[in-house]
Amino acid sequence: HGVRLVEHEGPSGIARDWLRALSCCDAPLVTIAHQDDVYLPAYRSTML
């Protein structure tokens, strides 16, 4: 799907994984998407 992948080293854990996900982003607004969930098409536009 042509999406950037960042692979982290070291032990995982929910807090660590969420903080690592945030560290990959250089935008002021970040949505941490959980891999099992789905987002409806209007999520981003409504949020902004």
ModelCIF file with pLDDT and N, C-alpha, C, O atoms, coordinates in Angstrom:
data_MODEL
#
_entry.id   MODEL 
#
_entity.id                         1 
_entity.type                       polymer 
_entity.pdbx_number_of_molecules   1 
#
_entity_poly.entity_id                      1 
_entity_poly.type                           'polypeptide(L)' 
_entity_poly.nstd_linkage                   no 
_entity_poly.nstd_monomer                   no 
_entity_poly.pdbx_seq_one_letter_code       HGVRLVEHEGPSGIARDWLRALSCCDAPLVTIAHQDDVYLPAYRSTML 
_entity_poly.pdbx_seq_one_letter_code_can   HGVRLVEHEGPSGIARDWLRALSCCDAPLVTIAHQDDVYLPAYRSTML 
_entity_poly.pdbx_strand_id                 A 
#
loop_
_entity_poly_seq.entity_id 
_entity_poly_seq.num 
_entity_poly_seq.mon_id 
_entity_poly_seq.hetero 
1 1  HIS n 
1 2  GLY n 
1 3  VAL n 
1 4  ARG n 
1 5  LEU n 
1 6  VAL n 
1 7  GLU n 
1 8  HIS n 
1 9  GLU n 
1 10 GLY n 
1 11 PRO n 
1 12 SER n 
1 13 GLY n 
1 14 ILE n 
1 15 ALA n 
1 16 ARG n 
1 17 ASP n 
1 18 TRP n 
1 19 LEU n 
1 20 ARG n 
1 21 ALA n 
1 22 LEU n 
1 23 SER n 
1 24 CYS n 
1 25 CYS n 
1 26 ASP n 
1 27 ALA n 
1 28 PRO n 
1 29 LEU n 
1 30 VAL n 
1 31 THR n 
1 32 ILE n 
1 33 ALA n 
1 34 HIS n 
1 35 GLN n 
1 36 ASP n 
1 37 ASP n 
1 38 VAL n 
1 39 TYR n 
1 40 LEU n 
1 41 PRO n 
1 42 ALA n 
1 43 TYR n 
1 44 ARG n 
1 45 SER n 
1 46 THR n 
1 47 MET n 
1 48 LEU n 
#
_struct_asym.id          A 
_struct_asym.entity_id   1 
#
loop_
_ma_qa_metric.id 
_ma_qa_metric.mode 
_ma_qa_metric.name 
_ma_qa_metric.software_group_id 
_ma_qa_metric.type 
1 global pLDDT . pLDDT 
2 local  pLDDT . pLDDT 
#
_ma_qa_metric_global.metric_id      1 
_ma_qa_metric_global.metric_value   96.38 
_ma_qa_metric_global.model_id       1 
_ma_qa_metric_global.ordinal_id     1 
#
loop_
_ma_qa_metric_local.label_asym_id 
_ma_qa_metric_local.label_comp_id 
_ma_qa_metric_local.label_seq_id 
_ma_qa_metric_local.metric_id 
_ma_qa_metric_local.metric_value 
_ma_qa_metric_local.model_id 
_ma_qa_metric_local.ordinal_id 
A HIS 1  2 98.00 1 1  
A GLY 2  2 97.00 1 2  
A VAL 3  2 98.00 1 3  
A ARG 4  2 98.00 1 4  
A LEU 5  2 98.00 1 5  
A VAL 6  2 98.00 1 6  
A GLU 7  2 98.00 1 7  
A HIS 8  2 96.00 1 8  
A GLU 9  2 92.00 1 9  
A GLY 10 2 86.00 1 10 
A PRO 11 2 86.00 1 11 
A SER 12 2 86.00 1 12 
A GLY 13 2 92.00 1 13 
A ILE 14 2 94.00 1 14 
A ALA 15 2 96.00 1 15 
A ARG 16 2 96.00 1 16 
A ASP 17 2 97.00 1 17 
A TRP 18 2 98.00 1 18 
A LEU 19 2 97.00 1 19 
A ARG 20 2 98.00 1 20 
A ALA 21 2 98.00 1 21 
A LEU 22 2 98.00 1 22 
A SER 23 2 97.00 1 23 
A CYS 24 2 97.00 1 24 
A CYS 25 2 97.00 1 25 
A ASP 26 2 96.00 1 26 
A ALA 27 2 98.00 1 27 
A PRO 28 2 98.00 1 28 
A LEU 29 2 98.00 1 29 
A VAL 30 2 98.00 1 30 
A THR 31 2 98.00 1 31 
A ILE 32 2 98.00 1 32 
A ALA 33 2 98.00 1 33 
A HIS 34 2 96.00 1 34 
A GLN 35 2 97.00 1 35 
A ASP 36 2 96.00 1 36 
A ASP 37 2 98.00 1 37 
A VAL 38 2 98.00 1 38 
A TYR 39 2 98.00 1 39 
A LEU 40 2 98.00 1 40 
A PRO 41 2 97.00 1 41 
A ALA 42 2 97.00 1 42 
A TYR 43 2 98.00 1 43 
A ARG 44 2 97.00 1 44 
A SER 45 2 96.00 1 45 
A THR 46 2 97.00 1 46 
A MET 47 2 98.00 1 47 
A LEU 48 2 97.00 1 48 
#
loop_
_atom_site.group_PDB 
_atom_site.id 
_atom_site.type_symbol 
_atom_site.label_atom_id 
_atom_site.label_alt_id 
_atom_site.label_comp_id 
_atom_site.label_asym_id 
_atom_site.label_entity_id 
_atom_site.label_seq_id 
_atom_site.pdbx_PDB_ins_code 
_atom_site.Cartn_x 
_atom_site.Cartn_y 
_atom_site.Cartn_z 
_atom_site.occupancy 
_atom_site.B_iso_or_equiv 
_atom_site.pdbx_formal_charge 
_atom_site.auth_seq_id 
_atom_site.auth_comp_id 
_atom_site.auth_asym_id 
_atom_site.auth_atom_id 
_atom_site.pdbx_PDB_model_num 
ATOM 1   N N  . HIS A 1 1  ? 0.811   -1.222 0.000  1.00 98.00 ? 1  HIS A N  1 
ATOM 2   C CA . HIS A 1 1  ? 0.000   0.000  0.000  1.00 98.00 ? 1  HIS A CA 1 
ATOM 3   C C  . HIS A 1 1  ? 0.848   1.278  0.000  1.00 98.00 ? 1  HIS A C  1 
ATOM 4   O O  . HIS A 1 1  ? 0.315   2.382  0.116  1.00 98.00 ? 1  HIS A O  1 
ATOM 5   N N  . GLY A 1 2  ? 2.157   1.121  -0.129 1.00 97.00 ? 2  GLY A N  1 
ATOM 6   C CA . GLY A 1 2  ? 3.041   2.268  -0.247 1.00 97.00 ? 2  GLY A CA 1 
ATOM 7   C C  . GLY A 1 2  ? 3.088   3.140  0.987  1.00 97.00 ? 2  GLY A C  1 
ATOM 8   O O  . GLY A 1 2  ? 3.186   4.362  0.881  1.00 97.00 ? 2  GLY A O  1 
ATOM 9   N N  . VAL A 1 3  ? 3.019   2.525  2.166  1.00 98.00 ? 3  VAL A N  1 
ATOM 10  C CA . VAL A 1 3  ? 2.989   3.264  3.427  1.00 98.00 ? 3  VAL A CA 1 
ATOM 11  C C  . VAL A 1 3  ? 4.307   3.054  4.162  1.00 98.00 ? 3  VAL A C  1 
ATOM 12  O O  . VAL A 1 3  ? 4.844   1.947  4.187  1.00 98.00 ? 3  VAL A O  1 
ATOM 13  N N  . ARG A 1 4  ? 4.821   4.121  4.757  1.00 98.00 ? 4  ARG A N  1 
ATOM 14  C CA . ARG A 1 4  ? 6.090   4.042  5.484  1.00 98.00 ? 4  ARG A CA 1 
ATOM 15  C C  . ARG A 1 4  ? 5.956   3.120  6.695  1.00 98.00 ? 4  ARG A C  1 
ATOM 16  O O  . ARG A 1 4  ? 4.978   3.186  7.440  1.00 98.00 ? 4  ARG A O  1 
ATOM 17  N N  . LEU A 1 5  ? 6.956   2.262  6.875  1.00 98.00 ? 5  LEU A N  1 
ATOM 18  C CA . LEU A 1 5  ? 6.995   1.327  7.991  1.00 98.00 ? 5  LEU A CA 1 
ATOM 19  C C  . LEU A 1 5  ? 8.194   1.656  8.866  1.00 98.00 ? 5  LEU A C  1 
ATOM 20  O O  . LEU A 1 5  ? 9.313   1.797  8.371  1.00 98.00 ? 5  LEU A O  1 
ATOM 21  N N  . VAL A 1 6  ? 7.956   1.779  10.174 1.00 98.00 ? 6  VAL A N  1 
ATOM 22  C CA . VAL A 1 6  ? 9.029   2.012  11.136 1.00 98.00 ? 6  VAL A CA 1 
ATOM 23  C C  . VAL A 1 6  ? 9.061   0.826  12.089 1.00 98.00 ? 6  VAL A C  1 
ATOM 24  O O  . VAL A 1 6  ? 8.068   0.533  12.755 1.00 98.00 ? 6  VAL A O  1 
ATOM 25  N N  . GLU A 1 7  ? 10.194  0.149  12.154 1.00 98.00 ? 7  GLU A N  1 
ATOM 26  C CA . GLU A 1 7  ? 10.367  -1.016 13.021 1.00 98.00 ? 7  GLU A CA 1 
ATOM 27  C C  . GLU A 1 7  ? 11.229  -0.631 14.221 1.00 98.00 ? 7  GLU A C  1 
ATOM 28  O O  . GLU A 1 7  ? 12.306  -0.057 14.065 1.00 98.00 ? 7  GLU A O  1 
ATOM 29  N N  . HIS A 1 8  ? 10.747  -0.949 15.407 1.00 96.00 ? 8  HIS A N  1 
ATOM 30  C CA . HIS A 1 8  ? 11.427  -0.560 16.641 1.00 96.00 ? 8  HIS A CA 1 
ATOM 31  C C  . HIS A 1 8  ? 12.085  -1.771 17.282 1.00 96.00 ? 8  HIS A C  1 
ATOM 32  O O  . HIS A 1 8  ? 11.590  -2.893 17.177 1.00 96.00 ? 8  HIS A O  1 
ATOM 33  N N  . GLU A 1 9  ? 13.202  -1.531 17.944 1.00 92.00 ? 9  GLU A N  1 
ATOM 34  C CA . GLU A 1 9  ? 13.903  -2.575 18.680 1.00 92.00 ? 9  GLU A CA 1 
ATOM 35  C C  . GLU A 1 9  ? 13.567  -2.462 20.162 1.00 92.00 ? 9  GLU A C  1 
ATOM 36  O O  . GLU A 1 9  ? 13.099  -1.427 20.637 1.00 92.00 ? 9  GLU A O  1 
ATOM 37  N N  . GLY A 1 10 ? 13.816  -3.548 20.872 1.00 86.00 ? 10 GLY A N  1 
ATOM 38  C CA . GLY A 1 10 ? 13.586  -3.536 22.308 1.00 86.00 ? 10 GLY A CA 1 
ATOM 39  C C  . GLY A 1 10 ? 12.240  -4.119 22.667 1.00 86.00 ? 10 GLY A C  1 
ATOM 40  O O  . GLY A 1 10 ? 11.409  -4.359 21.791 1.00 86.00 ? 10 GLY A O  1 
ATOM 41  N N  . PRO A 1 11 ? 12.015  -4.352 23.969 1.00 86.00 ? 11 PRO A N  1 
ATOM 42  C CA . PRO A 1 11 ? 10.765  -4.988 24.418 1.00 86.00 ? 11 PRO A CA 1 
ATOM 43  C C  . PRO A 1 11 ? 9.551   -4.123 24.097 1.00 86.00 ? 11 PRO A C  1 
ATOM 44  O O  . PRO A 1 11 ? 9.617   -2.893 24.104 1.00 86.00 ? 11 PRO A O  1 
ATOM 45  N N  . SER A 1 12 ? 8.450   -4.800 23.816 1.00 86.00 ? 12 SER A N  1 
ATOM 46  C CA . SER A 1 12 ? 7.220   -4.073 23.513 1.00 86.00 ? 12 SER A CA 1 
ATOM 47  C C  . SER A 1 12 ? 6.326   -4.035 24.739 1.00 86.00 ? 12 SER A C  1 
ATOM 48  O O  . SER A 1 12 ? 6.561   -4.742 25.719 1.00 86.00 ? 12 SER A O  1 
ATOM 49  N N  . GLY A 1 13 ? 5.321   -3.219 24.674 1.00 92.00 ? 13 GLY A N  1 
ATOM 50  C CA . GLY A 1 13 ? 4.336   -3.032 25.729 1.00 92.00 ? 13 GLY A CA 1 
ATOM 51  C C  . GLY A 1 13 ? 3.387   -1.971 25.222 1.00 92.00 ? 13 GLY A C  1 
ATOM 52  O O  . GLY A 1 13 ? 3.756   -1.192 24.342 1.00 92.00 ? 13 GLY A O  1 
ATOM 53  N N  . ILE A 1 14 ? 2.191   -1.915 25.742 1.00 94.00 ? 14 ILE A N  1 
ATOM 54  C CA . ILE A 1 14 ? 1.197   -1.008 25.165 1.00 94.00 ? 14 ILE A CA 1 
ATOM 55  C C  . ILE A 1 14 ? 1.669   0.437  25.235 1.00 94.00 ? 14 ILE A C  1 
ATOM 56  O O  . ILE A 1 14 ? 1.652   1.136  24.222 1.00 94.00 ? 14 ILE A O  1 
ATOM 57  N N  . ALA A 1 15 ? 2.089   0.900  26.407 1.00 96.00 ? 15 ALA A N  1 
ATOM 58  C CA . ALA A 1 15 ? 2.536   2.292  26.529 1.00 96.00 ? 15 ALA A CA 1 
ATOM 59  C C  . ALA A 1 15 ? 3.749   2.551  25.645 1.00 96.00 ? 15 ALA A C  1 
ATOM 60  O O  . ALA A 1 15 ? 3.807   3.559  24.941 1.00 96.00 ? 15 ALA A O  1 
ATOM 61  N N  . ARG A 1 16 ? 4.722   1.636  25.682 1.00 96.00 ? 16 ARG A N  1 
ATOM 62  C CA . ARG A 1 16 ? 5.919   1.813  24.846 1.00 96.00 ? 16 ARG A CA 1 
ATOM 63  C C  . ARG A 1 16 ? 5.546   1.877  23.373 1.00 96.00 ? 16 ARG A C  1 
ATOM 64  O O  . ARG A 1 16 ? 6.055   2.718  22.633 1.00 96.00 ? 16 ARG A O  1 
ATOM 65  N N  . ASP A 1 17 ? 4.662   0.991  22.953 1.00 97.00 ? 17 ASP A N  1 
ATOM 66  C CA . ASP A 1 17 ? 4.303   0.939  21.533 1.00 97.00 ? 17 ASP A CA 1 
ATOM 67  C C  . ASP A 1 17 ? 3.564   2.203  21.114 1.00 97.00 ? 17 ASP A C  1 
ATOM 68  O O  . ASP A 1 17 ? 3.805   2.724  20.025 1.00 97.00 ? 17 ASP A O  1 
ATOM 69  N N  . TRP A 1 18 ? 2.669   2.705  21.961 1.00 98.00 ? 18 TRP A N  1 
ATOM 70  C CA . TRP A 1 18 ? 1.948   3.931  21.610 1.00 98.00 ? 18 TRP A CA 1 
ATOM 71  C C  . TRP A 1 18 ? 2.899   5.126  21.576 1.00 98.00 ? 18 TRP A C  1 
ATOM 72  O O  . TRP A 1 18 ? 2.791   5.977  20.693 1.00 98.00 ? 18 TRP A O  1 
ATOM 73  N N  . LEU A 1 19 ? 3.824   5.195  22.524 1.00 97.00 ? 19 LEU A N  1 
ATOM 74  C CA . LEU A 1 19 ? 4.779   6.301  22.530 1.00 97.00 ? 19 LEU A CA 1 
ATOM 75  C C  . LEU A 1 19 ? 5.716   6.215  21.331 1.00 97.00 ? 19 LEU A C  1 
ATOM 76  O O  . LEU A 1 19 ? 6.074   7.237  20.746 1.00 97.00 ? 19 LEU A O  1 
ATOM 77  N N  . ARG A 1 20 ? 6.110   5.005  20.967 1.00 98.00 ? 20 ARG A N  1 
ATOM 78  C CA . ARG A 1 20 ? 6.951   4.850  19.773 1.00 98.00 ? 20 ARG A CA 1 
ATOM 79  C C  . ARG A 1 20 ? 6.198   5.269  18.520 1.00 98.00 ? 20 ARG A C  1 
ATOM 80  O O  . ARG A 1 20 ? 6.778   5.870  17.615 1.00 98.00 ? 20 ARG A O  1 
ATOM 81  N N  . ALA A 1 21 ? 4.910   4.956  18.463 1.00 98.00 ? 21 ALA A N  1 
ATOM 82  C CA . ALA A 1 21 ? 4.112   5.373  17.313 1.00 98.00 ? 21 ALA A CA 1 
ATOM 83  C C  . ALA A 1 21 ? 4.057   6.899  17.229 1.00 98.00 ? 21 ALA A C  1 
ATOM 84  O O  . ALA A 1 21 ? 4.196   7.471  16.148 1.00 98.00 ? 21 ALA A O  1 
ATOM 85  N N  . LEU A 1 22 ? 3.856   7.549  18.367 1.00 98.00 ? 22 LEU A N  1 
ATOM 86  C CA . LEU A 1 22 ? 3.834   9.015  18.371 1.00 98.00 ? 22 LEU A CA 1 
ATOM 87  C C  . LEU A 1 22 ? 5.178   9.590  17.942 1.00 98.00 ? 22 LEU A C  1 
ATOM 88  O O  . LEU A 1 22 ? 5.229   10.621 17.271 1.00 98.00 ? 22 LEU A O  1 
ATOM 89  N N  . SER A 1 23 ? 6.259   8.931  18.325 1.00 97.00 ? 23 SER A N  1 
ATOM 90  C CA . SER A 1 23 ? 7.593   9.439  17.993 1.00 97.00 ? 23 SER A CA 1 
ATOM 91  C C  . SER A 1 23 ? 7.881   9.398  16.496 1.00 97.00 ? 23 SER A C  1 
ATOM 92  O O  . SER A 1 23 ? 8.791   10.076 16.020 1.00 97.00 ? 23 SER A O  1 
ATOM 93  N N  . CYS A 1 24 ? 7.115   8.611  15.757 1.00 97.00 ? 24 CYS A N  1 
ATOM 94  C CA . CYS A 1 24 ? 7.297   8.513  14.301 1.00 97.00 ? 24 CYS A CA 1 
ATOM 95  C C  . CYS A 1 24 ? 6.657   9.690  13.565 1.00 97.00 ? 24 CYS A C  1 
ATOM 96  O O  . CYS A 1 24 ? 6.853   9.845  12.360 1.00 97.00 ? 24 CYS A O  1 
ATOM 97  N N  . CYS A 1 25 ? 5.900   10.510 14.273 1.00 97.00 ? 25 CYS A N  1 
ATOM 98  C CA . CYS A 1 25 ? 5.075   11.533 13.627 1.00 97.00 ? 25 CYS A CA 1 
ATOM 99  C C  . CYS A 1 25 ? 5.642   12.933 13.860 1.00 97.00 ? 25 CYS A C  1 
ATOM 100 O O  . CYS A 1 25 ? 6.112   13.254 14.952 1.00 97.00 ? 25 CYS A O  1 
ATOM 101 N N  . ASP A 1 26 ? 5.590   13.750 12.822 1.00 96.00 ? 26 ASP A N  1 
ATOM 102 C CA . ASP A 1 26 ? 6.060   15.126 12.940 1.00 96.00 ? 26 ASP A CA 1 
ATOM 103 C C  . ASP A 1 26 ? 4.926   16.125 12.715 1.00 96.00 ? 26 ASP A C  1 
ATOM 104 O O  . ASP A 1 26 ? 5.156   17.244 12.258 1.00 96.00 ? 26 ASP A O  1 
ATOM 105 N N  . ALA A 1 27 ? 3.709   15.711 13.039 1.00 98.00 ? 27 ALA A N  1 
ATOM 106 C CA . ALA A 1 27 ? 2.525   16.568 12.910 1.00 98.00 ? 27 ALA A CA 1 
ATOM 107 C C  . ALA A 1 27 ? 1.979   16.858 14.308 1.00 98.00 ? 27 ALA A C  1 
ATOM 108 O O  . ALA A 1 27 ? 2.161   16.049 15.217 1.00 98.00 ? 27 ALA A O  1 
ATOM 109 N N  . PRO A 1 28 ? 1.312   18.001 14.494 1.00 98.00 ? 28 PRO A N  1 
ATOM 110 C CA . PRO A 1 28 ? 0.758   18.313 15.814 1.00 98.00 ? 28 PRO A CA 1 
ATOM 111 C C  . PRO A 1 28 ? -0.440  17.464 16.191 1.00 98.00 ? 28 PRO A C  1 
ATOM 112 O O  . PRO A 1 28 ? -0.705  17.267 17.376 1.00 98.00 ? 28 PRO A O  1 
ATOM 113 N N  . LEU A 1 29 ? -1.173  16.954 15.200 1.00 98.00 ? 29 LEU A N  1 
ATOM 114 C CA . LEU A 1 29 ? -2.346  16.132 15.458 1.00 98.00 ? 29 LEU A CA 1 
ATOM 115 C C  . LEU A 1 29 ? -2.047  14.693 15.027 1.00 98.00 ? 29 LEU A C  1 
ATOM 116 O O  . LEU A 1 29 ? -1.688  14.442 13.876 1.00 98.00 ? 29 LEU A O  1 
ATOM 117 N N  . VAL A 1 30 ? -2.198  13.757 15.960 1.00 98.00 ? 30 VAL A N  1 
ATOM 118 C CA . VAL A 1 30 ? -1.895  12.355 15.655 1.00 98.00 ? 30 VAL A CA 1 
ATOM 119 C C  . VAL A 1 30 ? -3.021  11.466 16.173 1.00 98.00 ? 30 VAL A C  1 
ATOM 120 O O  . VAL A 1 30 ? -3.463  11.598 17.314 1.00 98.00 ? 30 VAL A O  1 
ATOM 121 N N  . THR A 1 31 ? -3.472  10.568 15.319 1.00 98.00 ? 31 THR A N  1 
ATOM 122 C CA . THR A 1 31 ? -4.423  9.524  15.700 1.00 98.00 ? 31 THR A CA 1 
ATOM 123 C C  . THR A 1 31 ? -3.664  8.204  15.747 1.00 98.00 ? 31 THR A C  1 
ATOM 124 O O  . THR A 1 31 ? -3.096  7.777  14.743 1.00 98.00 ? 31 THR A O  1 
ATOM 125 N N  . ILE A 1 32 ? -3.653  7.554  16.918 1.00 98.00 ? 32 ILE A N  1 
ATOM 126 C CA . ILE A 1 32 ? -3.040  6.236  17.025 1.00 98.00 ? 32 ILE A CA 1 
ATOM 127 C C  . ILE A 1 32 ? -4.085  5.206  16.625 1.00 98.00 ? 32 ILE A C  1 
ATOM 128 O O  . ILE A 1 32 ? -5.003  4.910  17.390 1.00 98.00 ? 32 ILE A O  1 
ATOM 129 N N  . ALA A 1 33 ? -3.942  4.672  15.439 1.00 98.00 ? 33 ALA A N  1 
ATOM 130 C CA . ALA A 1 33 ? -4.899  3.688  14.934 1.00 98.00 ? 33 ALA A CA 1 
ATOM 131 C C  . ALA A 1 33 ? -4.520  2.300  15.434 1.00 98.00 ? 33 ALA A C  1 
ATOM 132 O O  . ALA A 1 33 ? -3.355  1.907  15.372 1.00 98.00 ? 33 ALA A O  1 
ATOM 133 N N  . HIS A 1 34 ? -5.499  1.567  15.926 1.00 96.00 ? 34 HIS A N  1 
ATOM 134 C CA . HIS A 1 34 ? -5.273  0.206  16.406 1.00 96.00 ? 34 HIS A CA 1 
ATOM 135 C C  . HIS A 1 34 ? -5.556  -0.766 15.269 1.00 96.00 ? 34 HIS A C  1 
ATOM 136 O O  . HIS A 1 34 ? -6.559  -0.624 14.570 1.00 96.00 ? 34 HIS A O  1 
ATOM 137 N N  . GLN A 1 35 ? -4.700  -1.734 15.080 1.00 97.00 ? 35 GLN A N  1 
ATOM 138 C CA . GLN A 1 35 ? -4.689  -2.559 13.876 1.00 97.00 ? 35 GLN A CA 1 
ATOM 139 C C  . GLN A 1 35 ? -5.973  -3.355 13.640 1.00 97.00 ? 35 GLN A C  1 
ATOM 140 O O  . GLN A 1 35 ? -6.239  -3.755 12.507 1.00 97.00 ? 35 GLN A O  1 
ATOM 141 N N  . ASP A 1 36 ? -6.768  -3.591 14.671 1.00 96.00 ? 36 ASP A N  1 
ATOM 142 C CA . ASP A 1 36 ? -7.965  -4.408 14.501 1.00 96.00 ? 36 ASP A CA 1 
ATOM 143 C C  . ASP A 1 36 ? -9.205  -3.585 14.178 1.00 96.00 ? 36 ASP A C  1 
ATOM 144 O O  . ASP A 1 36 ? -10.261 -4.149 13.890 1.00 96.00 ? 36 ASP A O  1 
ATOM 145 N N  . ASP A 1 37 ? -9.094  -2.259 14.223 1.00 98.00 ? 37 ASP A N  1 
ATOM 146 C CA . ASP A 1 37 ? -10.263 -1.389 14.106 1.00 98.00 ? 37 ASP A CA 1 
ATOM 147 C C  . ASP A 1 37 ? -10.378 -0.804 12.699 1.00 98.00 ? 37 ASP A C  1 
ATOM 148 O O  . ASP A 1 37 ? -9.466  -0.940 11.883 1.00 98.00 ? 37 ASP A O  1 
ATOM 149 N N  . VAL A 1 38 ? -11.507 -0.153 12.427 1.00 98.00 ? 38 VAL A N  1 
ATOM 150 C CA . VAL A 1 38 ? -11.694 0.508  11.137 1.00 98.00 ? 38 VAL A CA 1 
ATOM 151 C C  . VAL A 1 38 ? -12.229 1.918  11.372 1.00 98.00 ? 38 VAL A C  1 
ATOM 152 O O  . VAL A 1 38 ? -12.953 2.181  12.332 1.00 98.00 ? 38 VAL A O  1 
ATOM 153 N N  . TYR A 1 39 ? -11.850 2.806  10.469 1.00 98.00 ? 39 TYR A N  1 
ATOM 154 C CA . TYR A 1 39 ? -12.248 4.207  10.551 1.00 98.00 ? 39 TYR A CA 1 
ATOM 155 C C  . TYR A 1 39 ? -13.153 4.528  9.375  1.00 98.00 ? 39 TYR A C  1 
ATOM 156 O O  . TYR A 1 39 ? -12.832 4.198  8.233  1.00 98.00 ? 39 TYR A O  1 
ATOM 157 N N  . LEU A 1 40 ? -14.280 5.170  9.646  1.00 98.00 ? 40 LEU A N  1 
ATOM 158 C CA . LEU A 1 40 ? -15.209 5.526  8.583  1.00 98.00 ? 40 LEU A CA 1 
ATOM 159 C C  . LEU A 1 40 ? -14.657 6.714  7.800  1.00 98.00 ? 40 LEU A C  1 
ATOM 160 O O  . LEU A 1 40 ? -13.852 7.475  8.336  1.00 98.00 ? 40 LEU A O  1 
ATOM 161 N N  . PRO A 1 41 ? -15.073 6.892  6.539  1.00 97.00 ? 41 PRO A N  1 
ATOM 162 C CA . PRO A 1 41 ? -14.431 7.878  5.660  1.00 97.00 ? 41 PRO A CA 1 
ATOM 163 C C  . PRO A 1 41 ? -14.445 9.314  6.172  1.00 97.00 ? 41 PRO A C  1 
ATOM 164 O O  . PRO A 1 41 ? -13.577 10.101 5.796  1.00 97.00 ? 41 PRO A O  1 
ATOM 165 N N  . ALA A 1 42 ? -15.403 9.677  7.016  1.00 97.00 ? 42 ALA A N  1 
ATOM 166 C CA . ALA A 1 42 ? -15.509 11.064 7.472  1.00 97.00 ? 42 ALA A CA 1 
ATOM 167 C C  . ALA A 1 42 ? -14.717 11.341 8.747  1.00 97.00 ? 42 ALA A C  1 
ATOM 168 O O  . ALA A 1 42 ? -14.767 12.458 9.263  1.00 97.00 ? 42 ALA A O  1 
ATOM 169 N N  . TYR A 1 43 ? -13.987 10.355 9.267  1.00 98.00 ? 43 TYR A N  1 
ATOM 170 C CA . TYR A 1 43 ? -13.293 10.573 10.544 1.00 98.00 ? 43 TYR A CA 1 
ATOM 171 C C  . TYR A 1 43 ? -12.364 11.783 10.475 1.00 98.00 ? 43 TYR A C  1 
ATOM 172 O O  . TYR A 1 43 ? -12.485 12.702 11.284 1.00 98.00 ? 43 TYR A O  1 
ATOM 173 N N  . ARG A 1 44 ? -11.454 11.792 9.532  1.00 97.00 ? 44 ARG A N  1 
ATOM 174 C CA . ARG A 1 44 ? -10.422 12.824 9.493  1.00 97.00 ? 44 ARG A CA 1 
ATOM 175 C C  . ARG A 1 44 ? -11.008 14.208 9.241  1.00 97.00 ? 44 ARG A C  1 
ATOM 176 O O  . ARG A 1 44 ? -10.642 15.161 9.928  1.00 97.00 ? 44 ARG A O  1 
ATOM 177 N N  . SER A 1 45 ? -11.903 14.337 8.277  1.00 96.00 ? 45 SER A N  1 
ATOM 178 C CA . SER A 1 45 ? -12.460 15.650 7.953  1.00 96.00 ? 45 SER A CA 1 
ATOM 179 C C  . SER A 1 45 ? -13.280 16.196 9.116  1.00 96.00 ? 45 SER A C  1 
ATOM 180 O O  . SER A 1 45 ? -13.237 17.393 9.400  1.00 96.00 ? 45 SER A O  1 
ATOM 181 N N  . THR A 1 46 ? -14.031 15.319 9.792  1.00 97.00 ? 46 THR A N  1 
ATOM 182 C CA . THR A 1 46 ? -14.803 15.765 10.947 1.00 97.00 ? 46 THR A CA 1 
ATOM 183 C C  . THR A 1 46 ? -13.882 16.195 12.078 1.00 97.00 ? 46 THR A C  1 
ATOM 184 O O  . THR A 1 46 ? -14.120 17.214 12.728 1.00 97.00 ? 46 THR A O  1 
ATOM 185 N N  . MET A 1 47 ? -12.829 15.419 12.313 1.00 98.00 ? 47 MET A N  1 
ATOM 186 C CA . MET A 1 47 ? -11.871 15.742 13.365 1.00 98.00 ? 47 MET A CA 1 
ATOM 187 C C  . MET A 1 47 ? -11.240 17.102 13.139 1.00 98.00 ? 47 MET A C  1 
ATOM 188 O O  . MET A 1 47 ? -11.172 17.914 14.062 1.00 98.00 ? 47 MET A O  1 
ATOM 189 N N  . LEU A 1 48 ? -10.775 17.362 11.921 1.00 97.00 ? 48 LEU A N  1 
ATOM 190 C CA . LEU A 1 48 ? -10.138 18.651 11.639 1.00 97.00 ? 48 LEU A CA 1 
ATOM 191 C C  . LEU A 1 48 ? -11.113 19.811 11.819 1.00 97.00 ? 48 LEU A C  1 
ATOM 192 O O  . LEU A 1 48 ? -10.740 20.967 11.622 1.00 97.00 ? 48 LEU A O  1 
#
